[in-house]
Protein backbone atom coordinates (compact mmCIF):
# COMPACT_ATOMS: atom_id res chain seq x y z
CA MET A 1 17.89 10.49 45.69
CA SER A 2 19.18 13.36 43.61
CA VAL A 3 17.47 14.22 40.36
CA THR A 4 19.23 16.08 37.57
CA LYS A 5 17.28 19.18 36.61
CA PRO A 6 16.19 18.84 32.97
CA LYS A 7 17.38 21.30 30.39
CA VAL A 8 14.77 23.73 29.14
CA THR A 9 13.57 22.65 25.70
CA ASP A 10 10.46 23.21 23.62
CA VAL A 11 8.15 21.51 21.13
CA PHE A 12 10.41 22.49 18.23
CA THR A 13 13.68 21.04 19.52
CA SER A 14 12.40 17.91 21.29
CA GLU A 15 12.47 14.56 19.50
CA THR A 16 9.34 12.63 18.51
CA ILE A 17 8.80 9.63 20.81
CA VAL A 18 6.80 6.50 19.99
CA PHE A 19 4.77 5.61 23.09
CA SER A 20 2.94 2.73 21.43
CA ASP A 21 2.86 1.13 17.98
CA ASP A 22 -0.94 0.83 18.08
CA GLY A 23 -3.62 3.18 19.42
CA GLY A 24 -6.53 5.46 18.70
CA TRP A 25 -8.89 7.92 20.37
CA CYS A 26 -11.85 10.16 19.71
CA TRP A 27 -12.10 13.82 20.84
CA PHE A 28 -15.33 13.61 22.81
CA GLU A 29 -13.79 11.93 25.86
CA SER A 30 -11.74 14.01 28.27
CA PRO A 31 -9.19 14.22 29.62
CA GLY A 32 -7.73 11.68 27.22
CA ALA A 33 -4.22 12.38 28.52
CA LEU A 34 -2.68 14.07 31.57
CA GLN A 35 0.70 15.34 32.73
CA TYR A 36 1.23 14.48 36.39
CA GLY A 37 4.67 15.66 37.40
CA SER A 38 7.14 13.62 35.40
CA MET A 39 4.48 11.06 34.47
CA LEU A 40 2.72 11.45 31.12
CA LEU A 41 -0.50 9.41 31.03
CA ILE A 42 -2.18 8.63 27.68
CA GLY A 43 -5.28 6.53 27.11
CA SER A 44 -6.00 4.75 23.83
CA VAL A 45 -7.79 1.86 22.11
CA ALA A 46 -5.59 -0.57 20.16
CA SER A 47 -6.66 -1.83 16.75
CA GLY A 48 -4.74 -5.10 16.84
CA GLY A 49 -3.16 -4.34 13.48
CA HIS A 50 0.24 -5.60 14.64
CA ASP A 51 -0.99 -8.11 17.22
CA LYS A 52 -4.53 -9.47 16.91
CA ASN A 53 -4.54 -10.23 20.63
CA ARG A 54 -4.57 -6.46 21.28
CA CYS A 55 -7.63 -5.83 19.09
CA GLY A 56 -9.93 -3.53 21.06
CA ASN A 57 -7.68 -3.30 24.11
CA VAL A 58 -8.33 -0.24 26.25
CA GLU A 59 -4.80 0.78 27.25
CA LEU A 60 -2.94 3.30 29.38
CA HIS A 61 0.52 4.39 28.25
CA VAL A 62 2.59 5.70 31.16
CA HIS A 63 5.70 7.57 30.09
CA ASP A 64 8.21 8.61 32.74
CA CYS A 65 9.73 11.82 31.40
CA LEU A 66 12.70 11.49 33.77
CA THR A 67 13.74 7.98 32.74
CA GLN A 68 12.26 8.27 29.22
CA MET A 69 10.70 4.83 29.68
CA THR A 70 7.12 3.95 28.66
CA GLU A 71 4.96 1.20 30.13
CA THR A 72 1.64 0.10 28.62
CA ILE A 73 -1.06 -1.18 30.99
CA VAL A 74 -4.04 -3.08 29.58
CA LEU A 75 -7.10 -1.69 31.33
CA HIS A 76 -9.55 -3.92 29.50
CA ASP A 77 -8.53 -6.81 27.27
CA GLN A 78 -10.22 -6.99 23.82
CA PHE A 79 -12.98 -4.60 24.87
CA GLU A 80 -14.20 -3.34 21.46
CA LEU A 81 -12.48 -2.12 18.31
CA ASP A 82 -13.82 1.45 18.31
CA ASP A 83 -11.86 4.62 19.05
CA HIS A 84 -14.96 6.17 20.69
CA ASP A 85 -14.21 3.86 23.65
CA GLY A 86 -11.13 5.83 24.70
CA PRO A 87 -10.79 6.26 28.48
CA ALA A 88 -11.17 9.49 30.46
CA LEU A 89 -8.54 10.08 33.15
CA LEU A 90 -8.75 11.92 36.48
CA ILE A 91 -6.24 12.25 39.31
CA ARG A 92 -8.13 12.19 42.61
CA PRO A 93 -7.10 14.39 45.56
CA ASP A 94 -5.47 11.32 47.15
CA GLY A 95 -3.23 10.90 44.09
CA ARG A 96 -4.98 7.80 42.75
CA LEU A 97 -5.92 7.63 39.07
CA LEU A 98 -9.59 7.12 38.21
CA ILE A 99 -10.36 5.88 34.69
CA LEU A 100 -13.80 5.69 33.08
CA TYR A 101 -14.75 4.27 29.68
CA ALA A 102 -17.74 2.84 27.80
CA LYS A 103 -18.67 1.12 24.57
CA HIS A 104 -20.07 3.07 21.62
CA GLY A 105 -23.75 3.12 22.53
CA THR A 106 -24.22 -0.66 22.65
CA GLU A 107 -24.40 -1.21 26.43
CA SER A 108 -26.30 0.23 29.38
CA HIS A 109 -23.30 0.48 31.70
CA ASN A 110 -19.89 2.11 31.90
CA TYR A 111 -16.63 0.74 33.27
CA SER A 112 -14.17 2.19 35.77
CA ARG A 113 -10.73 1.32 37.10
CA LEU A 114 -8.90 2.86 40.07
CA SER A 115 -5.15 2.70 40.59
CA LEU A 116 -4.04 1.01 43.78
CA PRO A 117 -2.81 3.12 46.70
CA ASP A 118 0.88 4.02 46.78
CA THR A 119 1.50 3.01 43.17
CA LYS A 120 3.04 6.23 41.90
CA SER A 121 3.75 4.73 38.50
CA PHE A 122 0.03 4.02 37.89
CA ASN A 123 0.74 0.48 36.71
CA GLN A 124 -1.50 -1.40 39.13
CA PHE A 125 -5.27 -1.13 39.26
CA GLY A 126 -8.15 -2.56 41.21
CA PRO A 127 -10.84 -4.65 39.52
CA VAL A 128 -13.19 -3.35 36.83
CA GLN A 129 -16.34 -1.78 38.26
CA LEU A 130 -19.60 -1.39 36.31
CA TYR A 131 -22.36 1.17 36.76
CA THR A 132 -25.74 0.95 35.01
CA PRO A 133 -27.78 4.19 35.12
CA SER A 134 -30.81 2.31 33.72
CA THR A 135 -31.44 -0.68 31.49
CA ALA A 136 -32.54 1.68 28.66
CA THR A 137 -29.33 3.73 28.81
CA GLU A 138 -26.98 3.58 25.81
CA LEU A 139 -23.67 5.00 27.02
CA THR A 140 -21.10 6.67 24.84
CA TYR A 141 -18.08 8.75 25.89
CA ALA A 142 -16.82 9.78 29.32
CA ASN A 143 -15.78 13.24 30.51
CA LEU A 144 -14.52 13.47 34.09
CA ILE A 145 -14.41 16.71 36.08
CA LEU A 146 -13.66 17.19 39.78
CA LEU A 147 -15.06 20.26 41.61
CA PRO A 148 -13.27 20.81 44.95
CA ASN A 149 -15.78 23.51 45.97
CA GLU A 150 -18.56 20.92 45.83
CA SER A 151 -16.84 18.73 48.42
CA ASN A 152 -14.78 17.05 45.70
CA ARG A 153 -17.80 15.90 43.72
CA ILE A 154 -16.82 14.20 40.46
CA TYR A 155 -19.03 14.61 37.39
CA ASP A 156 -19.09 12.28 34.42
CA PHE A 157 -20.65 13.84 31.32
CA PHE A 158 -21.62 11.30 28.68
CA ARG A 159 -24.27 10.62 26.04
CA GLY A 160 -27.36 8.48 26.18
CA LEU A 161 -29.05 8.37 29.60
CA HIS A 162 -32.27 6.34 29.38
CA GLY A 163 -31.81 5.83 25.62
CA SER A 164 -32.04 9.56 24.97
CA PHE A 165 -28.97 9.99 22.70
CA LYS A 166 -28.55 13.35 24.50
CA PRO A 167 -25.85 14.92 26.71
CA SER A 168 -26.28 13.49 30.20
CA TYR A 169 -24.42 13.34 33.48
CA LEU A 170 -23.66 11.21 36.50
CA TYR A 171 -22.00 12.30 39.73
CA SER A 172 -20.02 10.74 42.55
CA ASP A 173 -19.58 12.07 46.07
CA ASP A 174 -17.01 9.45 47.09
CA LEU A 175 -14.32 10.08 44.46
CA GLY A 176 -15.73 7.63 41.92
CA THR A 177 -16.34 4.66 44.20
CA SER A 178 -20.09 4.87 43.60
CA TRP A 179 -22.21 6.84 41.12
CA HIS A 180 -25.62 8.49 41.04
CA ASN A 181 -27.83 9.43 38.12
CA GLY A 182 -28.16 13.02 37.07
CA ASN A 183 -30.29 13.72 34.04
CA VAL A 184 -30.30 14.68 30.37
CA TYR A 185 -29.22 18.33 30.45
CA ILE A 186 -29.51 19.37 26.76
CA ASN A 187 -32.66 18.17 25.05
CA VAL A 188 -33.47 18.41 21.36
CA PRO A 189 -37.17 18.08 20.57
CA SER A 190 -37.21 16.08 17.36
CA THR A 191 -38.81 13.15 15.64
CA ILE A 192 -35.31 11.76 15.18
CA LYS A 193 -32.61 11.43 17.80
CA HIS A 194 -30.46 14.49 17.11
CA ARG A 195 -27.47 14.33 19.42
CA PRO A 196 -25.65 17.48 20.50
CA TYR A 197 -21.86 17.10 20.63
CA VAL A 198 -20.18 18.75 23.60
CA ARG A 199 -16.69 19.68 24.72
CA TYR A 200 -16.04 20.44 28.39
CA THR A 201 -13.52 22.31 30.50
CA SER A 202 -13.36 23.49 34.11
CA ASN A 203 -11.71 26.12 36.28
CA GLU A 204 -10.85 23.19 38.58
CA ARG A 205 -12.79 24.71 41.49
CA ASP A 206 -16.49 25.32 40.96
CA THR A 207 -17.35 25.93 37.29
CA ILE A 208 -17.72 23.75 34.19
CA HIS A 209 -17.99 25.21 30.67
CA MET A 210 -19.68 23.45 27.75
CA ILE A 211 -19.70 24.30 24.04
CA TYR A 212 -22.07 22.24 21.92
CA THR A 213 -23.96 21.77 18.65
CA GLU A 214 -27.59 20.89 17.93
CA GLY A 215 -26.61 17.53 16.47
CA HIS A 216 -24.22 15.58 14.29
CA PRO A 217 -23.13 17.72 11.32
CA ARG A 218 -24.13 14.91 8.98
CA ASP A 219 -27.73 15.30 10.19
CA TYR A 220 -28.07 19.01 11.02
CA ASP A 221 -26.70 22.37 9.83
CA ASN A 222 -25.07 23.03 13.18
CA SER A 223 -24.54 26.30 14.94
CA LEU A 224 -22.44 26.47 18.12
CA TYR A 225 -23.54 27.42 21.66
CA HIS A 226 -21.98 28.00 25.08
CA ILE A 227 -23.26 27.53 28.62
CA TYR A 228 -21.58 27.07 31.97
CA TYR A 229 -22.45 25.27 35.18
CA ARG A 230 -21.94 26.60 38.70
CA SER A 231 -23.47 25.66 42.07
CA GLY A 232 -26.21 23.52 40.62
CA ASP A 233 -27.33 25.81 37.80
CA LEU A 234 -26.69 26.44 34.09
CA TYR A 235 -25.94 29.94 32.77
CA GLN A 236 -25.50 31.76 29.48
CA SER A 237 -22.07 33.26 28.78
CA ASP A 238 -23.09 36.62 30.32
CA GLY A 239 -24.24 35.05 33.58
CA ILE A 240 -27.98 34.93 32.90
CA LYS A 241 -29.40 31.88 34.69
CA LEU A 242 -31.14 29.32 32.48
CA SER A 243 -32.11 26.37 34.66
CA SER A 244 -30.75 23.91 37.15
CA LEU A 245 -28.42 21.24 35.80
CA GLN A 246 -30.95 18.65 36.95
CA VAL A 247 -33.74 20.20 34.87
CA GLY A 248 -31.47 21.09 31.95
CA LEU A 249 -32.23 22.90 28.70
CA ASP A 250 -35.27 22.04 26.62
CA SER A 251 -33.67 23.48 23.48
CA PRO A 252 -30.02 23.94 22.42
CA ASP A 253 -30.56 27.59 21.41
CA GLN A 254 -31.14 28.57 25.04
CA GLY A 255 -27.36 28.78 25.28
CA THR A 256 -25.33 31.75 24.08
CA LYS A 257 -24.71 31.48 20.35
CA VAL A 258 -21.02 31.33 19.49
CA TYR A 259 -21.38 30.76 15.74
CA GLN A 260 -24.35 30.81 13.35
CA GLY A 261 -24.28 27.86 11.00
CA ASP A 262 -26.26 27.28 7.81
CA SER A 263 -26.47 24.77 4.98
CA GLN A 264 -23.15 25.95 3.52
CA HIS A 265 -21.36 26.44 6.85
CA VAL A 266 -21.84 23.50 9.23
CA ALA A 267 -20.03 23.63 12.58
CA TRP A 268 -18.53 21.03 14.93
CA ILE A 269 -16.73 21.74 18.22
CA VAL A 270 -13.06 20.69 18.40
CA ASP A 271 -11.40 22.03 21.58
CA LEU A 272 -12.17 24.22 24.60
CA ILE A 273 -10.01 25.76 27.35
CA LEU A 274 -10.13 28.73 29.75
CA ASP A 275 -7.79 31.74 29.60
CA ARG A 276 -6.19 33.46 32.61
CA ASN A 277 -9.44 35.41 33.19
CA GLU A 278 -11.31 32.08 33.18
CA TYR A 279 -13.05 33.07 29.96
CA PRO A 280 -13.69 30.25 27.47
CA VAL A 281 -11.62 29.95 24.28
CA CYS A 282 -12.45 27.37 21.62
CA ILE A 283 -11.55 25.95 18.22
CA TYR A 284 -14.27 24.57 15.99
CA SER A 285 -14.46 23.28 12.43
CA VAL A 286 -16.82 24.45 9.69
CA GLN A 287 -17.61 22.44 6.56
CA TYR A 288 -18.01 24.80 3.62
CA ASN A 289 -20.07 24.48 0.43
CA SER A 290 -21.43 20.95 0.78
CA GLU A 291 -25.17 21.68 0.68
CA GLY A 292 -27.13 18.92 -0.99
CA LEU A 293 -24.16 16.60 -1.49
CA PRO A 294 -24.65 12.97 -0.46
CA VAL A 295 -22.57 11.53 2.36
CA GLY A 296 -19.10 10.77 1.07
CA GLN A 297 -19.03 13.61 -1.43
CA GLY A 298 -18.95 16.59 0.91
CA GLY A 299 -16.10 17.82 3.08
CA ASP A 300 -13.67 18.97 0.39
CA ASP A 301 -13.26 22.32 2.16
CA ILE A 302 -13.22 22.31 5.96
CA ARG A 303 -11.79 25.19 7.97
CA TYR A 304 -10.86 25.80 11.57
CA ARG A 305 -12.16 28.83 13.42
CA TYR A 306 -11.13 30.34 16.76
CA ALA A 307 -13.55 32.00 19.20
CA ARG A 308 -13.12 33.61 22.60
CA TRP A 309 -15.41 35.22 25.14
CA ASN A 310 -14.10 38.65 26.21
CA GLY A 311 -16.49 39.15 29.12
CA SER A 312 -19.15 40.79 26.96
CA ILE A 313 -19.32 39.12 23.55
CA TRP A 314 -18.00 36.15 21.64
CA GLN A 315 -15.25 37.16 19.21
CA ASN A 316 -14.93 34.88 16.16
CA PHE A 317 -11.98 34.61 13.79
CA SER A 318 -10.82 32.46 10.90
CA LEU A 319 -7.98 30.24 12.06
CA ALA A 320 -6.76 27.92 9.29
CA TYR A 321 -7.66 25.64 6.42
CA ALA A 322 -8.36 22.19 7.88
CA GLY A 323 -8.14 20.42 4.52
CA CYS A 324 -10.60 17.80 3.34
CA ARG A 325 -12.60 15.09 5.11
CA LEU A 326 -10.58 12.44 6.91
CA TYR A 327 -12.50 9.65 5.20
CA SER A 328 -15.60 9.12 3.11
CA GLY A 329 -18.68 8.64 5.25
CA GLU A 330 -17.67 11.15 7.92
CA ASP A 331 -17.46 14.29 5.79
CA ASP A 332 -16.86 16.56 8.82
CA TYR A 333 -13.97 14.61 10.35
CA THR A 334 -10.75 16.63 10.37
CA GLY A 335 -7.24 15.99 11.68
CA LEU A 336 -8.34 18.09 14.72
CA ALA A 337 -6.65 20.86 16.68
CA VAL A 338 -5.87 21.87 20.28
CA ILE A 339 -5.24 25.10 22.15
CA GLU A 340 -2.15 25.43 24.32
CA PRO A 341 -3.59 25.31 27.88
CA ASP A 342 -0.74 27.44 29.23
CA ASP A 343 -1.18 30.11 26.55
CA PRO A 344 -4.36 30.41 24.43
CA THR A 345 -2.52 32.52 21.84
CA VAL A 346 -0.88 29.24 20.73
CA VAL A 347 -2.60 26.36 18.91
CA TYR A 348 -1.53 23.06 17.36
CA ILE A 349 -3.46 21.87 14.31
CA SER A 350 -3.57 18.85 12.02
CA THR A 351 -4.42 19.57 8.38
CA ASN A 352 -3.69 18.20 4.92
CA SER A 353 -3.74 21.71 3.46
CA ASP A 354 -1.44 24.67 3.95
CA PRO A 355 -3.09 26.39 6.95
CA ALA A 356 -2.76 29.86 5.41
CA THR A 357 -3.43 29.22 1.70
CA GLY A 358 -5.44 26.00 1.55
CA GLU A 359 -3.07 24.38 -0.94
CA PRO A 360 -2.95 20.57 -0.58
CA LEU A 361 0.08 19.22 1.31
CA ILE A 362 1.85 16.73 -0.94
CA SER A 363 4.77 14.87 0.63
CA ARG A 364 7.99 14.90 -1.37
CA LYS A 365 8.78 11.46 0.04
CA ASP A 366 5.82 9.51 -1.37
CA GLN A 367 3.94 12.08 -3.51
CA GLN A 368 0.81 11.52 -1.40
CA ARG A 369 -1.34 14.04 0.43
CA HIS A 370 -0.88 13.75 4.18
CA TYR A 371 -2.03 15.46 7.35
CA GLU A 372 0.78 17.39 9.02
CA LEU A 373 1.06 19.23 12.35
CA PHE A 374 1.49 22.99 12.64
CA TYR A 375 2.17 25.38 15.50
CA GLY A 376 0.08 28.56 15.30
CA LYS A 377 0.59 31.86 17.12
CA THR A 378 -1.50 35.02 17.30
CA ASP A 379 -0.39 38.37 18.70
CA ASP A 380 -3.69 40.19 18.18
CA GLY A 381 -6.24 38.04 20.01
CA GLY A 382 -6.91 35.68 17.11
CA GLN A 383 -7.38 38.04 14.18
CA THR A 384 -4.21 36.89 12.40
CA TRP A 385 -2.00 33.83 12.76
CA SER A 386 1.55 32.82 11.92
CA TRP A 387 2.44 29.18 11.30
CA ILE A 388 5.46 26.98 11.93
CA THR A 389 5.68 23.42 10.62
CA LEU A 390 6.02 20.67 13.24
CA THR A 391 5.93 17.73 10.80
CA SER A 392 6.50 17.77 7.05
CA ASP A 393 6.94 15.47 4.05
CA SER A 394 5.52 12.60 6.08
CA THR A 395 4.70 9.15 4.75
CA ALA A 396 1.81 8.73 7.21
CA ASP A 397 -0.90 11.05 8.55
CA ASN A 398 -0.38 13.01 11.78
CA LEU A 399 -3.77 13.25 13.49
CA ARG A 400 -5.74 14.20 16.58
CA PRO A 401 -3.21 16.14 18.66
CA MET A 402 -3.70 16.47 22.41
CA ARG A 403 -1.86 18.85 24.76
CA PRO A 404 -2.17 17.06 28.11
CA LYS A 405 -2.95 19.48 30.87
CA CYS A 406 -0.52 19.64 33.79
CA VAL A 407 -2.55 18.68 36.86
CA ASN A 408 0.04 19.51 39.54
CA LYS A 409 1.83 22.65 38.40
CA SER A 410 3.77 22.98 41.65
CA ASP A 411 5.79 19.91 40.74
CA PRO A 412 9.53 20.73 40.46
CA ASN A 413 9.79 18.94 37.09
CA PRO A 414 7.97 21.25 34.65
CA TYR A 415 7.30 18.82 31.83
CA ARG A 416 4.92 19.49 28.97
CA ALA A 417 3.92 17.23 26.04
CA LEU A 418 2.16 17.24 22.70
CA VAL A 419 0.84 13.81 21.74
CA TRP A 420 -0.84 12.65 18.55
CA LEU A 421 -1.62 9.66 16.32
CA ARG A 422 0.58 8.80 13.33
CA GLY A 423 -0.50 6.28 10.72
CA LYS A 424 -3.55 5.31 8.68
CA TYR A 425 -7.14 6.13 9.64
CA LEU A 426 -9.91 4.63 7.49
CA ALA A 427 -12.78 4.72 9.99
CA TYR A 428 -13.39 4.77 13.74
CA THR A 429 -13.29 0.97 13.67
CA ASP A 430 -10.51 0.67 11.08
CA TYR A 431 -7.15 2.27 11.81
CA LEU A 432 -3.51 1.48 12.45
CA GLN A 433 -1.71 4.33 14.20
CA GLU A 434 1.25 4.86 16.46
CA VAL A 435 0.79 6.89 19.63
CA VAL A 436 3.58 9.47 19.40
CA GLY A 437 4.54 12.79 20.91
CA ARG A 438 7.11 15.32 21.96
CA VAL A 439 8.05 16.09 25.54
CA TRP A 440 9.73 19.30 26.63
CA THR A 441 10.46 21.29 29.75
CA VAL A 442 9.62 24.88 30.57
CA ASP A 443 11.55 27.47 32.52
CA PRO A 444 9.96 27.61 36.01
CA SER A 445 10.56 31.38 36.09
CA ARG A 446 8.34 31.84 33.02
CA ASP A 447 4.85 33.20 33.60
CA ILE A 448 2.71 30.09 33.07
CA TYR A 449 -0.84 29.95 34.29
C-alpha cells in the first residue's frame, strides 16, 4: 500500500481538532498521551456532561494522523468522576500498549489493561487486571517508565503505599503482567500527612529524574528539589549518592534544591523533560503574595518559572505570568504548561494573563476572562522569552496542554501534536471540556533529538 507523504506543517498552521467532546486529566500521571508513528494516543476521564452514561469513564482516544479519524475506547465504564484517575500509557517493546490507572486515594489497588497482540490500532484490550500492594495502601496516580538497561523493567511511581500518602513505587519484570512492591522513596516526617508532588522523566535507557515538593502548596510553603535514579540508587543533581531507591529519602531536602520557596513564594512542579545532554529542564509555578490568606482568597498572582541543570548548577529564570487560580479552593491550580520535548527552548503555556505583562486576558467575543494558549521561545537559555498567541478571544478556557512524546522516532511519518482541554473547569470532579489539539508534521532532515 502506498502512503502519501504528508506536507510539512507546524503548530501555527495546523487546524484545531476535536478528539472528544468530553474529557479531563490531571498532570501527575504520565505519560498521559503518546505519539506512536501515525497514531496519537490520549487518555482521559469523561465527566458525563453530555451523556450521563459516560460519567467517570476512563477512555482512550486513538487518532490516526494519516486518515484523520479518531476512535474512543472505553477502558473502564463509569469508573469515578475525578480527573486524577487519568490513565498512564506505555508502549512495550513488543508494541503492545500497557495502561495503568487508579482511583483518587479511595482504594488499595490499581487497574491495568493491555492491548491485544497484533492490534495496531490499539482498539482491543484484554481484561482489567487489579494489583493490591497492601490492604492499607491508598493509591493515587500512575507514572510508567520502562528501563531497557534493567532488562526492560517497568516502574510505576504513584502515591500512597501502605497508607503513607508519600511517593512510592512498584516494578514489573514481565512487562506489566505482574507487579512487585517497592517502597516509599520520599518520606516527610510530620504529624500530618504532607504529600510531596513529583514529576518524572527518563532517558529511556537507565535513568529516571524526579522533581518534587515537600507537600501540597495549600499545606506547605514549598521549595523544589531534584534527584535522579540509576542502577538501584538515588542521586543528587551533581551525582552524589543519597541512598538506594528501596531505602529512599528520609527528608525531601536531601535532594538538590532547585528553588527556595517561602510564605510569599510557594512552588509547585508543572513539567519536566531532558535536553540533548540528558540534563533536566523544568517548568514550575509559584504563587505570589498570598501569605495568611484563607483558602479561596489566595492565588491572584501565579507565575511560571523555568529551570535547567547545566551540569554544575541549577539556573532559574522567570518565564511568564500564569494568571490567577483556576478555581476557588485550589489556589495554586494554573492552566499549566509544557516544554517541547524536541527542543527545550520552546514551551507552550496556558494562562489567563498576558504572559509578558500580567494584564488579564479579556475575550472580545464574550467580554469574559479566559485561559489562552501561547507558544514561547528563548534564544538565551531561558533568560528572556518571546510569545506567540496560539488561541485568542476564546469563549471557553484552554487548559492543561500536553506535548505527547514521540516514542518511535524512526517512523517514516514524523507527526507531532499539541493536545489540551477546552471548556469549563470548576473542580477536579466538576468539569465539561473537549479534548482538542493540533497535529503537524516535521521535516525529517531537521535536527530533532
